[in-house]
Amino acid sequence: MKSFLYMLAVTAVVFITACSENTVSHDDGEEGLTARVEFSEGRIATLEEIEIDVYVETETGDRISDMSSIVLEHRVGEGAEWEEIDLTAHEDHFTSMHRFMTSGDHMFKVMGSRHEGDAQQVLYEMDDHMEIERAHMEMSGMLISFEHEGGEIHEGTTIGHSFWIEQMSGSGMMTGLAPTIICEESNGSIESHSATEMESGRYWAEHMFNSAGEATMTVEFMTGGMMTQASFSIPVAESH
């Protein structure tokens, strides 16, 4: 019987606190402001929805919720452009439910201004990076990882997808499997692609997405005389 397994969320929480050198002093004599960022998961993988909370505080620790503007930004690697993560005001802080689409070393910063017309200032910038892992799952002694190319997916675009299949016993990447990669889109359409082994244990195929919504990417292959399937859910945005 074909079985579909889903990623398990890690329940640890990591707290990242703003550094003192990011304090901003206002000309009108207000106390300097800093931001603090909290992630709902200690280890984060792509495609996993997590909560990100941003707290803006004075030097005495009082929380500020009446910011004129506030933006959480991130980038992958030193040379990449900063991308915004939408924040919503919630009680005494700002929050976002977010799914990272690209793995790697992510940097974060918070920009904001207290009063309308003020220039945005850096309230927080991460000293180090945070590693975002590829989406992955463990099954039948194998570690199967997944990632698509190009960040956010829009309907009408053709995107490459890779599955990495590895033996957890230490035997390394599993080669020569000749998998099929299957895409089921939100409109119910299903399309199969023969995967190409781009490198040892990495299987790749392209798919053109025709509908916005939640799509499911499945890798299917034979091993030990049995059919194995692993599926990952990915969001597809409306076309620009």
Protein backbone atom coordinates (compact mmCIF):
# COMPACT_ATOMS: atom_id res chain seq x y z
CA MET A 1 0.00 0.00 0.00
CA LYS A 2 1.33 3.42 -0.87
CA SER A 3 1.96 5.55 2.15
CA PHE A 4 2.55 9.27 2.49
CA LEU A 5 4.62 10.56 5.40
CA TYR A 6 4.77 14.12 6.56
CA MET A 7 7.43 16.19 8.30
CA LEU A 8 7.35 16.41 12.08
CA ALA A 9 7.75 19.79 13.71
CA VAL A 10 10.51 20.24 16.29
CA THR A 11 9.14 21.80 19.50
CA ALA A 12 12.20 23.60 20.78
CA VAL A 13 12.16 27.40 20.87
CA VAL A 14 15.08 29.67 20.17
CA PHE A 15 15.27 33.22 21.41
CA ILE A 16 17.38 35.78 19.56
CA THR A 17 17.91 39.10 21.34
CA ALA A 18 18.85 42.42 19.82
CA CYS A 19 22.35 43.77 20.44
CA SER A 20 22.98 47.05 22.25
CA GLU A 21 24.75 48.63 19.27
CA ASN A 22 21.45 48.52 17.36
CA THR A 23 19.78 50.91 19.81
CA VAL A 24 18.18 53.89 18.05
CA SER A 25 17.94 57.31 19.75
CA HIS A 26 15.26 59.75 18.57
CA ASP A 27 15.80 63.49 18.27
CA ASP A 28 12.74 64.21 20.43
CA GLY A 29 14.37 62.62 23.46
CA GLU A 30 12.56 59.25 23.42
CA GLU A 31 14.31 56.28 24.90
CA GLY A 32 16.34 54.22 22.45
CA LEU A 33 14.55 51.25 20.89
CA THR A 34 15.74 47.74 20.16
CA ALA A 35 13.98 44.73 18.65
CA ARG A 36 13.97 41.11 19.77
CA VAL A 37 13.08 38.22 17.45
CA GLU A 38 11.71 34.85 18.58
CA PHE A 39 11.18 31.73 16.44
CA SER A 40 8.71 29.00 17.42
CA GLU A 41 11.14 26.26 16.35
CA GLY A 42 14.72 25.66 17.38
CA ARG A 43 15.53 23.90 14.11
CA ILE A 44 13.79 25.16 11.01
CA ALA A 45 13.34 23.41 7.67
CA THR A 46 11.96 24.76 4.41
CA LEU A 47 8.20 24.37 3.80
CA GLU A 48 7.51 24.12 7.54
CA GLU A 49 5.19 26.87 8.76
CA ILE A 50 6.57 28.55 11.86
CA GLU A 51 5.64 31.56 13.97
CA ILE A 52 8.03 34.50 14.17
CA ASP A 53 7.45 37.14 16.87
CA VAL A 54 9.13 40.56 16.95
CA TYR A 55 9.19 42.59 20.17
CA VAL A 56 10.19 46.27 20.14
CA GLU A 57 11.43 47.51 23.52
CA THR A 58 12.78 50.62 25.16
CA GLU A 59 16.07 50.68 27.05
CA THR A 60 14.12 50.01 30.25
CA GLY A 61 12.39 46.94 28.75
CA ASP A 62 8.97 48.47 28.07
CA ARG A 63 7.33 47.03 24.96
CA ILE A 64 6.24 49.33 22.14
CA SER A 65 3.34 48.34 19.91
CA ASP A 66 2.47 51.67 18.23
CA MET A 67 5.22 51.69 15.61
CA SER A 68 4.54 53.78 12.50
CA SER A 69 6.39 51.16 10.43
CA ILE A 70 8.21 47.93 11.16
CA VAL A 71 9.70 45.37 8.77
CA LEU A 72 11.41 42.02 9.32
CA GLU A 73 13.89 41.23 6.54
CA HIS A 74 16.02 38.18 5.74
CA ARG A 75 18.49 37.06 3.10
CA VAL A 76 20.37 33.87 2.23
CA GLY A 77 24.12 34.51 2.20
CA GLU A 78 26.05 37.74 2.27
CA GLY A 79 25.53 38.78 -1.36
CA ALA A 80 21.78 38.22 -1.64
CA GLU A 81 19.12 40.92 -1.55
CA TRP A 82 17.06 41.45 1.60
CA GLU A 83 13.49 40.13 1.39
CA GLU A 84 10.61 41.29 3.58
CA ILE A 85 8.54 39.03 5.82
CA ASP A 86 5.09 40.50 6.49
CA LEU A 87 4.34 41.33 10.13
CA THR A 88 0.96 41.81 11.83
CA ALA A 89 0.44 43.76 15.05
CA HIS A 90 -0.67 41.43 17.86
CA GLU A 91 -1.22 42.74 21.41
CA ASP A 92 2.23 43.94 22.58
CA HIS A 93 4.29 42.63 19.66
CA PHE A 94 4.33 41.87 15.91
CA THR A 95 3.99 38.40 14.46
CA SER A 96 4.14 36.39 11.23
CA MET A 97 3.33 32.83 10.19
CA HIS A 98 5.99 32.06 7.62
CA ARG A 99 7.38 29.25 5.49
CA PHE A 100 10.95 29.55 4.24
CA MET A 101 11.32 28.38 0.66
CA THR A 102 15.12 28.28 0.37
CA SER A 103 17.60 26.45 2.61
CA GLY A 104 20.98 27.82 3.66
CA ASP A 105 22.45 30.40 6.03
CA HIS A 106 19.83 33.10 6.63
CA MET A 107 20.50 36.53 8.11
CA PHE A 108 17.78 38.64 9.77
CA LYS A 109 17.25 42.28 10.64
CA VAL A 110 14.40 44.50 11.85
CA MET A 111 13.84 47.98 10.43
CA GLY A 112 11.36 50.42 11.94
CA SER A 113 10.28 53.95 12.85
CA ARG A 114 8.19 55.09 15.80
CA HIS A 115 6.59 58.15 14.23
CA GLU A 116 5.08 58.77 10.81
CA GLY A 117 7.57 60.55 8.55
CA ASP A 118 10.64 59.32 10.45
CA ALA A 119 13.24 57.40 8.46
CA GLN A 120 13.42 53.69 9.23
CA GLN A 121 16.30 52.71 11.50
CA VAL A 122 17.96 49.36 12.19
CA LEU A 123 16.43 48.06 15.42
CA TYR A 124 18.07 44.64 15.24
CA GLU A 125 20.55 42.82 13.01
CA MET A 126 21.62 39.24 13.63
CA ASP A 127 25.33 38.92 14.48
CA ASP A 128 25.52 35.42 13.03
CA HIS A 129 23.41 33.40 10.61
CA MET A 130 20.63 30.87 11.21
CA GLU A 131 20.72 27.67 9.18
CA ILE A 132 17.47 26.72 7.47
CA GLU A 133 17.54 23.04 6.51
CA ARG A 134 15.99 21.38 3.49
CA ALA A 135 12.56 19.86 4.00
CA HIS A 136 13.15 16.22 4.92
CA MET A 137 11.71 13.08 6.45
CA GLU A 138 12.94 9.74 7.75
CA MET A 139 11.34 6.53 6.53
CA SER A 140 12.33 2.87 6.27
CA GLY A 141 15.94 3.59 7.18
CA MET A 142 16.24 6.37 4.60
CA LEU A 143 16.54 10.14 4.85
CA ILE A 144 14.66 11.82 2.00
CA SER A 145 15.17 15.56 1.50
CA PHE A 146 13.42 17.90 -0.90
CA GLU A 147 13.97 21.39 -2.31
CA HIS A 148 12.72 23.32 -5.31
CA GLU A 149 14.59 25.99 -7.23
CA GLY A 150 14.00 29.72 -7.20
CA GLY A 151 12.25 30.59 -3.95
CA GLU A 152 8.54 31.48 -4.19
CA ILE A 153 6.62 29.55 -6.86
CA HIS A 154 4.01 31.26 -9.05
CA GLU A 155 1.42 29.62 -11.28
CA GLY A 156 2.45 29.53 -14.91
CA THR A 157 6.15 29.00 -14.12
CA THR A 158 8.32 25.94 -14.71
CA ILE A 159 10.39 24.98 -11.67
CA GLY A 160 13.05 22.32 -11.07
CA HIS A 161 12.67 20.03 -8.04
CA SER A 162 15.27 17.82 -6.37
CA PHE A 163 14.97 14.85 -4.03
CA TRP A 164 18.03 13.58 -2.12
CA ILE A 165 17.76 9.93 -1.03
CA GLU A 166 20.24 8.67 1.54
CA GLN A 167 20.71 5.54 3.66
CA MET A 168 20.67 6.48 7.35
CA SER A 169 22.91 3.51 8.20
CA GLY A 170 25.91 5.44 6.91
CA SER A 171 25.99 3.72 3.53
CA GLY A 172 25.63 7.10 1.84
CA MET A 173 23.53 8.34 -1.07
CA MET A 174 21.34 5.84 -2.90
CA THR A 175 22.19 5.83 -6.60
CA GLY A 176 20.57 4.28 -9.66
CA LEU A 177 17.00 4.35 -8.33
CA ALA A 178 15.30 5.83 -11.45
CA PRO A 179 12.48 7.51 -9.47
CA THR A 180 9.32 9.15 -10.76
CA ILE A 181 8.45 12.65 -9.49
CA ILE A 182 4.70 13.28 -9.33
CA CYS A 183 3.03 16.68 -8.92
CA GLU A 184 -0.60 16.93 -7.78
CA GLU A 185 -1.85 20.51 -8.05
CA SER A 186 -4.62 22.26 -6.14
CA ASN A 187 -7.00 21.92 -9.11
CA GLY A 188 -6.67 18.12 -8.94
CA SER A 189 -4.41 17.68 -11.98
CA ILE A 190 -1.65 15.08 -11.64
CA GLU A 191 1.48 14.91 -13.80
CA SER A 192 4.40 12.48 -13.59
CA HIS A 193 8.01 13.09 -14.64
CA SER A 194 10.93 10.68 -14.98
CA ALA A 195 13.66 11.97 -12.68
CA THR A 196 17.26 12.53 -13.76
CA GLU A 197 20.06 11.67 -11.34
CA MET A 198 21.97 14.97 -11.42
CA GLU A 199 24.58 13.76 -8.91
CA SER A 200 24.95 10.83 -6.56
CA GLY A 201 21.58 10.30 -4.87
CA ARG A 202 20.04 13.58 -6.09
CA TYR A 203 17.06 13.14 -8.42
CA TRP A 204 15.67 16.09 -10.38
CA ALA A 205 12.75 16.95 -12.66
CA GLU A 206 10.96 20.08 -13.88
CA HIS A 207 7.26 20.83 -13.58
CA MET A 208 5.10 23.68 -14.86
CA PHE A 209 2.51 24.79 -12.31
CA ASN A 210 -0.91 25.64 -13.72
CA SER A 211 -2.88 26.60 -10.60
CA ALA A 212 -2.32 28.58 -7.42
CA GLY A 213 -2.81 26.88 -4.06
CA GLU A 214 -1.20 23.94 -2.28
CA ALA A 215 0.58 21.40 -4.49
CA THR A 216 2.06 18.05 -3.47
CA MET A 217 5.39 16.81 -4.82
CA THR A 218 5.97 13.07 -4.47
CA VAL A 219 9.01 10.95 -5.25
CA GLU A 220 8.27 7.29 -6.03
CA PHE A 221 10.91 4.59 -6.44
CA MET A 222 11.60 0.87 -6.00
CA THR A 223 14.01 -0.33 -3.34
CA GLY A 224 14.39 -3.81 -1.89
CA GLY A 225 11.60 -5.03 -4.13
CA MET A 226 9.10 -2.58 -2.63
CA MET A 227 7.64 0.70 -3.86
CA THR A 228 8.46 3.70 -1.68
CA GLN A 229 6.81 7.13 -1.78
CA ALA A 230 7.57 10.37 0.05
CA SER A 231 5.53 13.56 -0.34
CA PHE A 232 6.05 17.25 0.44
CA SER A 233 3.45 20.02 0.28
CA ILE A 234 4.45 23.32 -1.38
CA PRO A 235 2.54 26.62 -1.80
CA VAL A 236 2.00 28.05 -5.28
CA ALA A 237 1.20 31.77 -5.45
CA GLU A 238 -1.01 33.47 -8.03
CA SER A 239 0.77 34.82 -11.09
CA HIS A 240 2.14 38.37 -10.88
